[in-house]
PDB file of N, CA and C in Angstrom:
ATOM      1  N   MET A   1      -9.820  26.094  11.236  1.00  0.00           N
ATOM      2  CA  MET A   1      -9.001  25.145  10.490  1.00  0.00           C
ATOM      3  C   MET A   1      -9.779  24.658   9.270  1.00  0.00           C
ATOM      4  N   LYS A   2      -9.138  24.693   8.109  1.00  0.00           N
ATOM      5  CA  LYS A   2      -9.815  24.291   6.879  1.00  0.00           C
ATOM      6  C   LYS A   2      -9.884  22.778   6.764  1.00  0.00           C
ATOM      7  N   GLU A   3     -10.888  22.328   6.035  1.00  0.00           N
ATOM      8  CA  GLU A   3     -11.071  20.898   5.779  1.00  0.00           C
ATOM      9  C   GLU A   3      -9.951  20.411   4.867  1.00  0.00           C
ATOM     10  N   LEU A   4      -9.325  19.292   5.219  1.00  0.00           N
ATOM     11  CA  LEU A   4      -8.252  18.748   4.405  1.00  0.00           C
ATOM     12  C   LEU A   4      -8.804  18.150   3.122  1.00  0.00           C
ATOM     13  N   THR A   5      -8.069  18.348   2.036  1.00  0.00           N
ATOM     14  CA  THR A   5      -8.418  17.654   0.800  1.00  0.00           C
ATOM     15  C   THR A   5      -8.016  16.191   0.946  1.00  0.00           C
ATOM     16  N   PHE A   6      -8.470  15.365   0.034  1.00  0.00           N
ATOM     17  CA  PHE A   6      -8.110  13.953   0.058  1.00  0.00           C
ATOM     18  C   PHE A   6      -6.590  13.797  -0.018  1.00  0.00           C
ATOM     19  N   GLU A   7      -5.975  14.554  -0.915  1.00  0.00           N
ATOM     20  CA  GLU A   7      -4.531  14.448  -1.110  1.00  0.00           C
ATOM     21  C   GLU A   7      -3.767  14.869   0.142  1.00  0.00           C
ATOM     22  N   GLU A   8      -4.212  15.942   0.792  1.00  0.00           N
ATOM     23  CA  GLU A   8      -3.560  16.399   2.025  1.00  0.00           C
ATOM     24  C   GLU A   8      -3.716  15.366   3.135  1.00  0.00           C
ATOM     25  N   ALA A   9      -4.900  14.789   3.236  1.00  0.00           N
ATOM     26  CA  ALA A   9      -5.149  13.788   4.274  1.00  0.00           C
ATOM     27  C   ALA A   9      -4.300  12.541   4.045  1.00  0.00           C
ATOM     28  N   ILE A  10      -4.178  12.108   2.795  1.00  0.00           N
ATOM     29  CA  ILE A  10      -3.336  10.945   2.483  1.00  0.00           C
ATOM     30  C   ILE A  10      -1.880  11.238   2.824  1.00  0.00           C
ATOM     31  N   GLN A  11      -1.419  12.426   2.485  1.00  0.00           N
ATOM     32  CA  GLN A  11      -0.041  12.816   2.798  1.00  0.00           C
ATOM     33  C   GLN A  11       0.198  12.781   4.307  1.00  0.00           C
ATOM     34  N   ASN A  12      -0.735  13.326   5.072  1.00  0.00           N
ATOM     35  CA  ASN A  12      -0.618  13.317   6.530  1.00  0.00           C
ATOM     36  C   ASN A  12      -0.665  11.893   7.076  1.00  0.00           C
ATOM     37  N   LEU A  13      -1.516  11.071   6.492  1.00  0.00           N
ATOM     38  CA  LEU A  13      -1.622   9.679   6.921  1.00  0.00           C
ATOM     39  C   LEU A  13      -0.308   8.934   6.658  1.00  0.00           C
ATOM     40  N   GLU A  14       0.309   9.190   5.519  1.00  0.00           N
ATOM     41  CA  GLU A  14       1.601   8.569   5.210  1.00  0.00           C
ATOM     42  C   GLU A  14       2.659   8.980   6.226  1.00  0.00           C
ATOM     43  N   LYS A  15       2.637  10.238   6.653  1.00  0.00           N
ATOM     44  CA  LYS A  15       3.592  10.708   7.658  1.00  0.00           C
ATOM     45  C   LYS A  15       3.355  10.004   8.991  1.00  0.00           C
ATOM     46  N   VAL A  16       2.090   9.856   9.369  1.00  0.00           N
ATOM     47  CA  VAL A  16       1.757   9.153  10.612  1.00  0.00           C
ATOM     48  C   VAL A  16       2.283   7.727  10.561  1.00  0.00           C
ATOM     49  N   VAL A  17       2.053   7.038   9.444  1.00  0.00           N
ATOM     50  CA  VAL A  17       2.523   5.661   9.295  1.00  0.00           C
ATOM     51  C   VAL A  17       4.046   5.612   9.394  1.00  0.00           C
ATOM     52  N   ASN A  18       4.729   6.517   8.723  1.00  0.00           N
ATOM     53  CA  ASN A  18       6.192   6.554   8.789  1.00  0.00           C
ATOM     54  C   ASN A  18       6.670   6.791  10.214  1.00  0.00           C
ATOM     55  N   ASP A  19       6.027   7.711  10.919  1.00  0.00           N
ATOM     56  CA  ASP A  19       6.395   7.987  12.311  1.00  0.00           C
ATOM     57  C   ASP A  19       6.222   6.747  13.181  1.00  0.00           C
ATOM     58  N   LEU A  20       5.112   6.034  12.983  1.00  0.00           N
ATOM     59  CA  LEU A  20       4.857   4.827  13.768  1.00  0.00           C
ATOM     60  C   LEU A  20       5.852   3.710  13.424  1.00  0.00           C
ATOM     61  N   GLU A  21       6.233   3.622  12.162  1.00  0.00           N
ATOM     62  CA  GLU A  21       7.138   2.556  11.734  1.00  0.00           C
ATOM     63  C   GLU A  21       8.558   2.731  12.248  1.00  0.00           C
ATOM     64  N   THR A  22       8.933   3.950  12.635  1.00  0.00           N
ATOM     65  CA  THR A  22      10.292   4.162  13.128  1.00  0.00           C
ATOM     66  C   THR A  22      10.541   3.420  14.432  1.00  0.00           C
ATOM     67  N   GLY A  23       9.483   3.251  15.222  1.00  0.00           N
ATOM     68  CA  GLY A  23       9.633   2.582  16.509  1.00  0.00           C
ATOM     69  C   GLY A  23      10.291   3.440  17.561  1.00  0.00           C
ATOM     70  N   LYS A  24      10.456   4.718  17.273  1.00  0.00           N
ATOM     71  CA  LYS A  24      11.148   5.615  18.196  1.00  0.00           C
ATOM     72  C   LYS A  24      10.202   6.420  19.083  1.00  0.00           C
ATOM     73  N   LEU A  25       8.898   6.207  18.922  1.00  0.00           N
ATOM     74  CA  LEU A  25       7.921   6.957  19.704  1.00  0.00           C
ATOM     75  C   LEU A  25       7.630   6.229  21.011  1.00  0.00           C
ATOM     76  N   SER A  26       7.304   7.010  22.036  1.00  0.00           N
ATOM     77  CA  SER A  26       6.866   6.403  23.292  1.00  0.00           C
ATOM     78  C   SER A  26       5.489   5.780  23.076  1.00  0.00           C
ATOM     79  N   LEU A  27       5.049   4.998  24.025  1.00  0.00           N
ATOM     80  CA  LEU A  27       3.737   4.378  23.924  1.00  0.00           C
ATOM     81  C   LEU A  27       2.653   5.440  23.813  1.00  0.00           C
ATOM     82  N   ASP A  28       2.736   6.471  24.626  1.00  0.00           N
ATOM     83  CA  ASP A  28       1.742   7.548  24.601  1.00  0.00           C
ATOM     84  C   ASP A  28       1.738   8.258  23.248  1.00  0.00           C
ATOM     85  N   GLU A  29       2.930   8.557  22.714  1.00  0.00           N
ATOM     86  CA  GLU A  29       3.026   9.207  21.408  1.00  0.00           C
ATOM     87  C   GLU A  29       2.477   8.294  20.305  1.00  0.00           C
ATOM     88  N   SER A  30       2.764   6.997  20.417  1.00  0.00           N
ATOM     89  CA  SER A  30       2.279   6.039  19.426  1.00  0.00           C
ATOM     90  C   SER A  30       0.761   5.967  19.428  1.00  0.00           C
ATOM     91  N   VAL A  31       0.159   5.965  20.606  1.00  0.00           N
ATOM     92  CA  VAL A  31      -1.298   5.915  20.702  1.00  0.00           C
ATOM     93  C   VAL A  31      -1.906   7.174  20.086  1.00  0.00           C
ATOM     94  N   LYS A  32      -1.309   8.337  20.373  1.00  0.00           N
ATOM     95  CA  LYS A  32      -1.813   9.589  19.797  1.00  0.00           C
ATOM     96  C   LYS A  32      -1.688   9.576  18.276  1.00  0.00           C
ATOM     97  N   LYS A  33      -0.559   9.083  17.775  1.00  0.00           N
ATOM     98  CA  LYS A  33      -0.367   8.995  16.321  1.00  0.00           C
ATOM     99  C   LYS A  33      -1.369   8.029  15.699  1.00  0.00           C
ATOM    100  N   PHE A  34      -1.614   6.903  16.375  1.00  0.00           N
ATOM    101  CA  PHE A  34      -2.581   5.931  15.882  1.00  0.00           C
ATOM    102  C   PHE A  34      -3.970   6.553  15.798  1.00  0.00           C
ATOM    103  N   GLU A  35      -4.363   7.279  16.842  1.00  0.00           N
ATOM    104  CA  GLU A  35      -5.671   7.949  16.842  1.00  0.00           C
ATOM    105  C   GLU A  35      -5.757   8.971  15.714  1.00  0.00           C
ATOM    106  N   GLU A  36      -4.681   9.716  15.508  1.00  0.00           N
ATOM    107  CA  GLU A  36      -4.641  10.693  14.410  1.00  0.00           C
ATOM    108  C   GLU A  36      -4.783   9.977  13.073  1.00  0.00           C
ATOM    109  N   GLY A  37      -4.093   8.859  12.919  1.00  0.00           N
ATOM    110  CA  GLY A  37      -4.169   8.080  11.684  1.00  0.00           C
ATOM    111  C   GLY A  37      -5.566   7.546  11.426  1.00  0.00           C
ATOM    112  N   MET A  38      -6.240   7.105  12.473  1.00  0.00           N
ATOM    113  CA  MET A  38      -7.606   6.592  12.320  1.00  0.00           C
ATOM    114  C   MET A  38      -8.552   7.711  11.883  1.00  0.00           C
ATOM    115  N   LYS A  39      -8.387   8.903  12.430  1.00  0.00           N
ATOM    116  CA  LYS A  39      -9.221  10.042  12.038  1.00  0.00           C
ATOM    117  C   LYS A  39      -8.970  10.407  10.578  1.00  0.00           C
ATOM    118  N   LEU A  40      -7.691  10.405  10.185  1.00  0.00           N
ATOM    119  CA  LEU A  40      -7.351  10.716   8.795  1.00  0.00           C
ATOM    120  C   LEU A  40      -7.902   9.654   7.847  1.00  0.00           C
ATOM    121  N   SER A  41      -7.811   8.407   8.254  1.00  0.00           N
ATOM    122  CA  SER A  41      -8.337   7.311   7.439  1.00  0.00           C
ATOM    123  C   SER A  41      -9.846   7.451   7.255  1.00  0.00           C
ATOM    124  N   LYS A  42     -10.563   7.763   8.313  1.00  0.00           N
ATOM    125  CA  LYS A  42     -12.014   7.950   8.226  1.00  0.00           C
ATOM    126  C   LYS A  42     -12.340   9.141   7.327  1.00  0.00           C
ATOM    127  N   HIS A  43     -11.575  10.216   7.451  1.00  0.00           N
ATOM    128  CA  HIS A  43     -11.798  11.394   6.614  1.00  0.00           C
ATOM    129  C   HIS A  43     -11.624  11.034   5.135  1.00  0.00           C
ATOM    130  N   CYS A  44     -10.566  10.284   4.812  1.00  0.00           N
ATOM    131  CA  CYS A  44     -10.329   9.861   3.429  1.00  0.00           C
ATOM    132  C   CYS A  44     -11.476   8.978   2.936  1.00  0.00           C
ATOM    133  N   ASN A  45     -11.906   8.059   3.769  1.00  0.00           N
ATOM    134  CA  ASN A  45     -13.003   7.177   3.400  1.00  0.00           C
ATOM    135  C   ASN A  45     -14.289   7.961   3.150  1.00  0.00           C
ATOM    136  N   ASP A  46     -14.566   8.952   3.991  1.00  0.00           N
ATOM    137  CA  ASP A  46     -15.757   9.794   3.811  1.00  0.00           C
ATOM    138  C   ASP A  46     -15.708  10.534   2.476  1.00  0.00           C
ATOM    139  N   ILE A  47     -14.538  11.058   2.142  1.00  0.00           N
ATOM    140  CA  ILE A  47     -14.375  11.776   0.868  1.00  0.00           C
ATOM    141  C   ILE A  47     -14.618  10.824  -0.298  1.00  0.00           C
ATOM    142  N   LEU A  48     -14.044   9.621  -0.227  1.00  0.00           N
ATOM    143  CA  LEU A  48     -14.218   8.650  -1.305  1.00  0.00           C
ATOM    144  C   LEU A  48     -15.679   8.229  -1.450  1.00  0.00           C
ATOM    145  N   GLU A  49     -16.371   8.022  -0.341  1.00  0.00           N
ATOM    146  CA  GLU A  49     -17.787   7.646  -0.408  1.00  0.00           C
ATOM    147  C   GLU A  49     -18.616   8.755  -1.033  1.00  0.00           C
ATOM    148  N   LYS A  50     -18.314  10.008  -0.683  1.00  0.00           N
ATOM    149  CA  LYS A  50     -19.033  11.145  -1.256  1.00  0.00           C
ATOM    150  C   LYS A  50     -18.792  11.211  -2.767  1.00  0.00           C
ATOM    151  N   ALA A  51     -17.544  11.024  -3.175  1.00  0.00           N
ATOM    152  CA  ALA A  51     -17.216  11.065  -4.607  1.00  0.00           C
ATOM    153  C   ALA A  51     -17.920   9.941  -5.351  1.00  0.00           C
ATOM    154  N   GLU A  52     -17.954   8.764  -4.750  1.00  0.00           N
ATOM    155  CA  GLU A  52     -18.608   7.620  -5.385  1.00  0.00           C
ATOM    156  C   GLU A  52     -20.083   7.893  -5.633  1.00  0.00           C
ATOM    157  N   LYS A  53     -20.726   8.566  -4.688  1.00  0.00           N
ATOM    158  CA  LYS A  53     -22.147   8.884  -4.840  1.00  0.00           C
ATOM    159  C   LYS A  53     -22.382   9.890  -5.965  1.00  0.00           C
ATOM    160  N   GLN A  54     -21.368  10.689  -6.278  1.00  0.00           N
ATOM    161  CA  GLN A  54     -21.514  11.716  -7.302  1.00  0.00           C
ATOM    162  C   GLN A  54     -21.225  11.205  -8.703  1.00  0.00           C
ATOM    163  N   ILE A  55     -20.574  10.062  -8.798  1.00  0.00           N
ATOM    164  CA  ILE A  55     -20.172   9.550 -10.109  1.00  0.00           C
ATOM    165  C   ILE A  55     -21.359   8.946 -10.834  1.00  0.00           C
ATOM    166  N   ASN A  56     -21.537   9.357 -12.047  1.00  0.00           N
ATOM    167  CA  ASN A  56     -22.547   8.770 -12.929  1.00  0.00           C
ATOM    168  C   ASN A  56     -21.854   8.268 -14.179  1.00  0.00           C
ATOM    169  N   ILE A  57     -22.442   7.254 -14.796  1.00  0.00           N
ATOM    170  CA  ILE A  57     -21.887   6.718 -16.032  1.00  0.00           C
ATOM    171  C   ILE A  57     -22.953   6.776 -17.118  1.00  0.00           C
ATOM    172  N   LEU A  58     -22.501   6.765 -18.344  1.00  0.00           N
ATOM    173  CA  LEU A  58     -23.438   6.698 -19.467  1.00  0.00           C
ATOM    174  C   LEU A  58     -23.617   5.239 -19.831  1.00  0.00           C
ATOM    175  N   VAL A  59     -24.871   4.819 -19.947  1.00  0.00           N
ATOM    176  CA  VAL A  59     -25.163   3.442 -20.329  1.00  0.00           C
ATOM    177  C   VAL A  59     -26.088   3.458 -21.532  1.00  0.00           C
ATOM    178  N   GLU A  60     -25.968   2.426 -22.320  1.00  0.00           N
ATOM    179  CA  GLU A  60     -26.813   2.304 -23.499  1.00  0.00           C
ATOM    180  C   GLU A  60     -28.004   1.415 -23.151  1.00  0.00           C
ATOM    181  N   ASN A  61     -29.200   1.920 -23.401  1.00  0.00           N
ATOM    182  CA  ASN A  61     -30.393   1.119 -23.117  1.00  0.00           C
ATOM    183  C   ASN A  61     -30.695   0.208 -24.307  1.00  0.00           C
ATOM    184  N   GLU A  62     -31.777  -0.564 -24.199  1.00  0.00           N
ATOM    185  CA  GLU A  62     -32.115  -1.557 -25.219  1.00  0.00           C
ATOM    186  C   GLU A  62     -32.326  -0.944 -26.600  1.00  0.00           C
ATOM    187  N   SER A  63     -32.814   0.282 -26.655  1.00  0.00           N
ATOM    188  CA  SER A  63     -33.082   0.912 -27.952  1.00  0.00           C
ATOM    189  C   SER A  63     -31.856   1.629 -28.525  1.00  0.00           C
ATOM    190  N   GLY A  64     -30.717   1.490 -27.855  1.00  0.00           N
ATOM    191  CA  GLY A  64     -29.487   2.080 -28.365  1.00  0.00           C
ATOM    192  C   GLY A  64     -29.251   3.508 -27.933  1.00  0.00           C
ATOM    193  N   GLU A  65     -30.130   4.068 -27.130  1.00  0.00           N
ATOM    194  CA  GLU A  65     -29.958   5.435 -26.651  1.00  0.00           C
ATOM    195  C   GLU A  65     -29.038   5.449 -25.444  1.00  0.00           C
ATOM    196  N   MET A  66     -28.268   6.516 -25.343  1.00  0.00           N
ATOM    197  CA  MET A  66     -27.374   6.685 -24.200  1.00  0.00           C
ATOM    198  C   MET A  66     -28.128   7.447 -23.116  1.00  0.00           C
ATOM    199  N   LYS A  67     -28.012   6.963 -21.880  1.00  0.00           N
ATOM    200  CA  LYS A  67     -28.638   7.673 -20.768  1.00  0.00           C
ATOM    201  C   LYS A  67     -27.687   7.654 -19.586  1.00  0.00           C
ATOM    202  N   GLU A  68     -27.877   8.602 -18.689  1.00  0.00           N
ATOM    203  CA  GLU A  68     -27.036   8.702 -17.510  1.00  0.00           C
ATOM    204  C   GLU A  68     -27.630   7.832 -16.407  1.00  0.00           C
ATOM    205  N   ALA A  69     -26.756   7.067 -15.731  1.00  0.00           N
ATOM    206  CA  ALA A  69     -27.206   6.194 -14.651  1.00  0.00           C
ATOM    207  C   ALA A  69     -26.193   6.260 -13.519  1.00  0.00           C
ATOM    208  N   PRO A  70     -26.626   5.987 -12.310  1.00  0.00           N
ATOM    209  CA  PRO A  70     -25.676   5.977 -11.189  1.00  0.00           C
ATOM    210  C   PRO A  70     -24.629   4.893 -11.377  1.00  0.00           C
ATOM    211  N   PHE A  71     -23.445   5.189 -10.921  1.00  0.00           N
ATOM    212  CA  PHE A  71     -22.348   4.228 -10.964  1.00  0.00           C
ATOM    213  C   PHE A  71     -22.551   3.204  -9.858  1.00  0.00           C
ATOM    214  N   ASP A  72     -22.508   1.922 -10.211  1.00  0.00           N
ATOM    215  CA  ASP A  72     -22.705   0.852  -9.227  1.00  0.00           C
ATOM    216  C   ASP A  72     -21.425   0.046  -9.135  1.00  0.00           C
ATOM    217  N   VAL A  73     -20.776   0.096  -7.985  1.00  0.00           N
ATOM    218  CA  VAL A  73     -19.504  -0.598  -7.779  1.00  0.00           C
ATOM    219  C   VAL A  73     -19.688  -2.109  -7.808  1.00  0.00           C
ATOM    220  N   GLU A  74     -20.834  -2.589  -7.422  1.00  0.00           N
ATOM    221  CA  GLU A  74     -21.080  -4.022  -7.303  1.00  0.00           C
ATOM    222  C   GLU A  74     -21.179  -4.744  -8.637  1.00  0.00           C
ATOM    223  N   GLU A  75     -21.387  -4.023  -9.736  1.00  0.00           N
ATOM    224  CA  GLU A  75     -21.545  -4.690 -11.038  1.00  0.00           C
ATOM    225  C   GLU A  75     -20.245  -5.192 -11.576  1.00  0.00           C
TER     226      GLU A  75
END
């Protein structure tokens, strides 16, 4: 089985949420869907964290030169 892309995982997660929102699933089916949704959510989060680590930005230092620096979400 191939690794899902972020877009595929989000699409699957949306389907899981829609299935759960119908209220037509048994308790057992709902628990299985919830577990599937949690796995998809973690997969999406892992992809986003990996992408964040790869992002670099150009910043201007004191002397006016442009240099590459890691992207910091906290700033």
